[in-house]
C-alpha atoms as a PDB file:
ATOM      1  CA  UNK A   1      93.704 129.049  91.727  1.00  0.00           C
ATOM      2  CA  UNK A   2      92.679 126.170  94.018  1.00  0.00           C
ATOM      3  CA  UNK A   3      88.952 125.887  94.591  1.00  0.00           C
ATOM      4  CA  UNK A   4      87.857 125.177  98.150  1.00  0.00           C
ATOM      5  CA  UNK A   5      85.469 122.274  98.605  1.00  0.00           C
ATOM      6  CA  UNK A   6      82.055 123.273  99.912  1.00  0.00           C
ATOM      7  CA  UNK A   7      80.983 122.147 103.357  1.00  0.00           C
ATOM      8  CA  UNK A   8      78.915 119.001 103.550  1.00  0.00           C
ATOM      9  CA  UNK A   9      75.476 118.956 105.088  1.00  0.00           C
ATOM     10  CA  UNK A  10      75.120 116.508 107.952  1.00  0.00           C
ATOM     11  CA  UNK A  11      71.755 114.852 108.158  1.00  0.00           C
ATOM     12  CA  UNK A  12      70.442 112.633 110.864  1.00  0.00           C
ATOM     13  CA  UNK A  13      69.762 109.009 110.002  1.00  0.00           C
ATOM     14  CA  UNK A  14      66.390 109.533 111.642  1.00  0.00           C
ATOM     15  CA  UNK A  15      63.841 110.446 108.948  1.00  0.00           C
ATOM     16  CA  UNK A  16      61.824 112.599 111.369  1.00  0.00           C
ATOM     17  CA  UNK A  17      64.779 114.670 112.594  1.00  0.00           C
ATOM     18  CA  UNK A  18      64.826 118.402 112.002  1.00  0.00           C
ATOM     19  CA  UNK A  19      68.512 118.791 112.820  1.00  0.00           C
ATOM     20  CA  UNK A  20      70.724 119.793 109.926  1.00  0.00           C
ATOM     21  CA  UNK A  21      74.169 121.304 110.265  1.00  0.00           C
ATOM     22  CA  UNK A  22      77.141 121.833 108.005  1.00  0.00           C
ATOM     23  CA  UNK A  23      80.497 120.278 108.776  1.00  0.00           C
ATOM     24  CA  UNK A  24      83.860 120.784 107.158  1.00  0.00           C
ATOM     25  CA  UNK A  25      84.354 118.843 103.922  1.00  0.00           C
ATOM     26  CA  UNK A  26      86.275 115.568 104.318  1.00  0.00           C
ATOM     27  CA  UNK A  27      89.314 117.134 102.624  1.00  0.00           C
ATOM     28  CA  UNK A  28      89.360 119.774 105.361  1.00  0.00           C
ATOM     29  CA  UNK A  29      89.903 117.225 108.148  1.00  0.00           C
ATOM     30  CA  UNK A  30      93.385 117.784 109.590  1.00  0.00           C
ATOM     31  CA  UNK A  31      93.734 114.350 111.213  1.00  0.00           C
ATOM     32  CA  UNK A  32      91.762 111.148 111.612  1.00  0.00           C
ATOM     33  CA  UNK A  33      92.225 108.736 114.507  1.00  0.00           C
ATOM     34  CA  UNK A  34      90.906 105.493 112.974  1.00  0.00           C
ATOM     35  CA  UNK A  35      88.929 102.587 114.432  1.00  0.00           C
ATOM     36  CA  UNK A  36      91.997 100.759 115.710  1.00  0.00           C
ATOM     37  CA  UNK A  37      93.504 103.841 117.368  1.00  0.00           C
ATOM     38  CA  UNK A  38      93.809 104.152 121.150  1.00  0.00           C
ATOM     39  CA  UNK A  39      95.087 107.416 122.633  1.00  0.00           C
ATOM     40  CA  UNK A  40      95.582 108.121 126.329  1.00  0.00           C
ATOM     41  CA  UNK A  41      96.577 111.538 127.628  1.00  0.00           C
ATOM     42  CA  UNK A  42      96.072 115.173 126.595  1.00  0.00           C
ATOM     43  CA  UNK A  43      95.143 115.707 122.948  1.00  0.00           C
ATOM     44  CA  UNK A  44      95.446 119.258 121.606  1.00  0.00           C
ATOM     45  CA  UNK A  45      95.306 120.260 117.952  1.00  0.00           C
ATOM     46  CA  UNK A  46      94.403 122.917 115.385  1.00  0.00           C
ATOM     47  CA  UNK A  47      91.956 122.368 112.552  1.00  0.00           C
ATOM     48  CA  UNK A  48      89.327 119.639 112.304  1.00  0.00           C
ATOM     49  CA  UNK A  49      89.972 116.207 113.798  1.00  0.00           C
ATOM     50  CA  UNK A  50      87.811 113.108 113.429  1.00  0.00           C
ATOM     51  CA  UNK A  51      88.027 110.307 115.975  1.00  0.00           C
ATOM     52  CA  UNK A  52      86.745 106.810 115.223  1.00  0.00           C
ATOM     53  CA  UNK A  53      88.855 105.030 117.851  1.00  0.00           C
ATOM     54  CA  UNK A  54      89.203 105.234 121.633  1.00  0.00           C
ATOM     55  CA  UNK A  55      90.476 108.223 123.608  1.00  0.00           C
ATOM     56  CA  UNK A  56      91.018 108.550 127.368  1.00  0.00           C
ATOM     57  CA  UNK A  57      92.082 111.746 129.116  1.00  0.00           C
ATOM     58  CA  UNK A  58      91.423 115.216 127.776  1.00  0.00           C
ATOM     59  CA  UNK A  59      90.755 116.774 124.368  1.00  0.00           C
ATOM     60  CA  UNK A  60      91.329 120.512 123.974  1.00  0.00           C
ATOM     61  CA  UNK A  61      91.155 122.638 120.832  1.00  0.00           C
ATOM     62  CA  UNK A  62      89.715 125.878 119.490  1.00  0.00           C
ATOM     63  CA  UNK A  63      88.491 124.120 116.374  1.00  0.00           C
ATOM     64  CA  UNK A  64      86.158 121.244 115.406  1.00  0.00           C
ATOM     65  CA  UNK A  65      86.047 117.713 116.793  1.00  0.00           C
ATOM     66  CA  UNK A  66      84.038 115.034 114.976  1.00  0.00           C
ATOM     67  CA  UNK A  67      83.357 111.819 116.879  1.00  0.00           C
ATOM     68  CA  UNK A  68      82.401 108.840 114.706  1.00  0.00           C
ATOM     69  CA  UNK A  69      79.787 106.163 115.473  1.00  0.00           C
ATOM     70  CA  UNK A  70      82.308 103.565 116.662  1.00  0.00           C
ATOM     71  CA  UNK A  71      84.325 106.029 118.776  1.00  0.00           C
ATOM     72  CA  UNK A  72      84.529 105.623 122.542  1.00  0.00           C
ATOM     73  CA  UNK A  73      85.638 108.768 124.346  1.00  0.00           C
ATOM     74  CA  UNK A  74      86.331 108.718 128.085  1.00  0.00           C
ATOM     75  CA  UNK A  75      87.626 112.259 128.378  1.00  0.00           C
ATOM     76  CA  UNK A  76      86.784 115.830 129.212  1.00  0.00           C
ATOM     77  CA  UNK A  77      86.349 117.776 125.987  1.00  0.00           C
ATOM     78  CA  UNK A  78      86.946 121.513 125.475  1.00  0.00           C
ATOM     79  CA  UNK A  79      86.591 122.473 121.809  1.00  0.00           C
ATOM     80  CA  UNK A  80      85.173 125.156 119.569  1.00  0.00           C
ATOM     81  CA  UNK A  81      82.678 122.868 117.872  1.00  0.00           C
ATOM     82  CA  UNK A  82      81.668 119.278 118.593  1.00  0.00           C
ATOM     83  CA  UNK A  83      79.852 116.919 116.231  1.00  0.00           C
ATOM     84  CA  UNK A  84      79.252 113.475 117.719  1.00  0.00           C
ATOM     85  CA  UNK A  85      77.774 110.162 116.645  1.00  0.00           C
ATOM     86  CA  UNK A  86      79.735 108.157 119.234  1.00  0.00           C
ATOM     87  CA  UNK A  87      79.963 107.407 122.944  1.00  0.00           C
ATOM     88  CA  UNK A  88      81.255 110.106 125.303  1.00  0.00           C
ATOM     89  CA  UNK A  89      81.841 109.761 129.030  1.00  0.00           C
ATOM     90  CA  UNK A  90      83.070 113.082 130.380  1.00  0.00           C
ATOM     91  CA  UNK A  91      82.302 116.760 130.567  1.00  0.00           C
ATOM     92  CA  UNK A  92      81.977 118.800 127.383  1.00  0.00           C
ATOM     93  CA  UNK A  93      82.574 122.501 126.774  1.00  0.00           C
ATOM     94  CA  UNK A  94      81.995 123.709 123.212  1.00  0.00           C
ATOM     95  CA  UNK A  95      82.503 127.438 122.654  1.00  0.00           C
ATOM     96  CA  UNK A  96      80.593 127.520 119.336  1.00  0.00           C
ATOM     97  CA  UNK A  97      78.100 124.626 119.326  1.00  0.00           C
ATOM     98  CA  UNK A  98      77.636 120.931 120.104  1.00  0.00           C
ATOM     99  CA  UNK A  99      75.627 118.645 117.793  1.00  0.00           C
ATOM    100  CA  UNK A 100      74.779 115.048 118.700  1.00  0.00           C
ATOM    101  CA  UNK A 101      73.362 112.577 116.188  1.00  0.00           C
ATOM    102  CA  UNK A 102      71.999 109.058 116.792  1.00  0.00           C
ATOM    103  CA  UNK A 103      73.409 106.687 117.928  1.00  0.00           C
ATOM    104  CA  UNK A 104      75.446 109.064 120.154  1.00  0.00           C
ATOM    105  CA  UNK A 105      75.479 108.556 123.917  1.00  0.00           C
ATOM    106  CA  UNK A 106      76.668 111.163 126.414  1.00  0.00           C
ATOM    107  CA  UNK A 107      77.270 110.721 130.122  1.00  0.00           C
ATOM    108  CA  UNK A 108      78.423 113.998 131.689  1.00  0.00           C
ATOM    109  CA  UNK A 109      77.763 117.714 131.504  1.00  0.00           C
ATOM    110  CA  UNK A 110      77.478 119.794 128.328  1.00  0.00           C
ATOM    111  CA  UNK A 111      78.121 123.561 128.176  1.00  0.00           C
ATOM    112  CA  UNK A 112      77.682 125.466 124.927  1.00  0.00           C
ATOM    113  CA  UNK A 113      75.786 128.420 123.462  1.00  0.00           C
ATOM    114  CA  UNK A 114      74.042 126.007 121.044  1.00  0.00           C
ATOM    115  CA  UNK A 115      73.279 122.346 121.757  1.00  0.00           C
ATOM    116  CA  UNK A 116      71.303 120.028 119.479  1.00  0.00           C
ATOM    117  CA  UNK A 117      70.315 116.440 120.262  1.00  0.00           C
ATOM    118  CA  UNK A 118      68.912 114.276 117.486  1.00  0.00           C
ATOM    119  CA  UNK A 119      66.111 111.774 118.156  1.00  0.00           C
ATOM    120  CA  UNK A 120      67.702 108.574 119.430  1.00  0.00           C
ATOM    121  CA  UNK A 121      70.596 110.252 121.238  1.00  0.00           C
ATOM    122  CA  UNK A 122      70.990 109.109 124.847  1.00  0.00           C
ATOM    123  CA  UNK A 123      72.027 111.855 127.271  1.00  0.00           C
ATOM    124  CA  UNK A 124      72.547 111.504 131.013  1.00  0.00           C
ATOM    125  CA  UNK A 125      73.892 114.562 132.781  1.00  0.00           C
ATOM    126  CA  UNK A 126      73.605 118.315 133.105  1.00  0.00           C
ATOM    127  CA  UNK A 127      73.124 120.738 130.237  1.00  0.00           C
ATOM    128  CA  UNK A 128      73.959 124.469 130.268  1.00  0.00           C
ATOM    129  CA  UNK A 129      73.059 126.481 127.180  1.00  0.00           C
ATOM    130  CA  UNK A 130      74.289 130.005 126.474  1.00  0.00           C
ATOM    131  CA  UNK A 131      77.310 129.986 128.772  1.00  0.00           C
ATOM    132  CA  UNK A 132      79.315 133.180 128.358  1.00  0.00           C
ATOM    133  CA  UNK A 133      83.092 132.851 128.492  1.00  0.00           C
ATOM    134  CA  UNK A 134      83.380 129.269 127.243  1.00  0.00           C
ATOM    135  CA  UNK A 135      85.769 130.395 124.491  1.00  0.00           C
ATOM    136  CA  UNK A 136      87.892 132.234 127.063  1.00  0.00           C
ATOM    137  CA  UNK A 137      88.136 129.058 129.174  1.00  0.00           C
ATOM    138  CA  UNK A 138      89.470 127.115 126.188  1.00  0.00           C
ATOM    139  CA  UNK A 139      91.940 129.869 125.228  1.00  0.00           C
ATOM    140  CA  UNK A 140      93.223 130.174 128.795  1.00  0.00           C
ATOM    141  CA  UNK A 141      93.678 126.418 129.083  1.00  0.00           C
ATOM    142  CA  UNK A 142      95.587 126.241 125.808  1.00  0.00           C
ATOM    143  CA  UNK A 143      97.870 129.042 127.012  1.00  0.00           C
ATOM    144  CA  UNK A 144      98.561 127.061 130.197  1.00  0.00           C
ATOM    145  CA  UNK A 145      99.478 124.006 128.118  1.00  0.00           C
ATOM    146  CA  UNK A 146     101.888 126.169 126.107  1.00  0.00           C
ATOM    147  CA  UNK A 147     103.429 127.346 129.376  1.00  0.00           C
ATOM    148  CA  UNK A 148     102.628 131.027 128.911  1.00  0.00           C
ATOM    149  CA  UNK A 149     100.761 131.557 132.193  1.00  0.00           C
ATOM    150  CA  UNK A 150      99.007 129.821 135.068  1.00  0.00           C
ATOM    151  CA  UNK A 151      95.236 130.188 135.237  1.00  0.00           C
ATOM    152  CA  UNK A 152      92.718 128.146 137.249  1.00  0.00           C
ATOM    153  CA  UNK A 153      89.706 126.950 135.263  1.00  0.00           C
END
């Protein structure tokens, strides 16, 4: 019987921070886009993906997205859960929660039922907490991408 690795606890690098959240264990990461990676277009996936490189366009998934410190994201993001240490320019919808840890920078809007910003995070934009239907927006968009139906979001 294979034992599942426990989730790791993410802690802020800021000693005074009160933010603590669990993330999937490293072995649970489905894919990793490394420092030298550049992706342009529509990125959709299942599972947990970590990005340390550059992405332009759109990122859509029901699951978790982890953005590393060196990552530069110029994209609209629609995911289940977002954990970010990097730079994001674009609008964010997270159906579960969005956690931002220093030295993260965000320029754009954030919509999620739970949003946490660590000390040292730079945020410029609009924030909407407790949005109902965020998960439905992501599901409908993914169905459009799969060609099952047309829905305006």
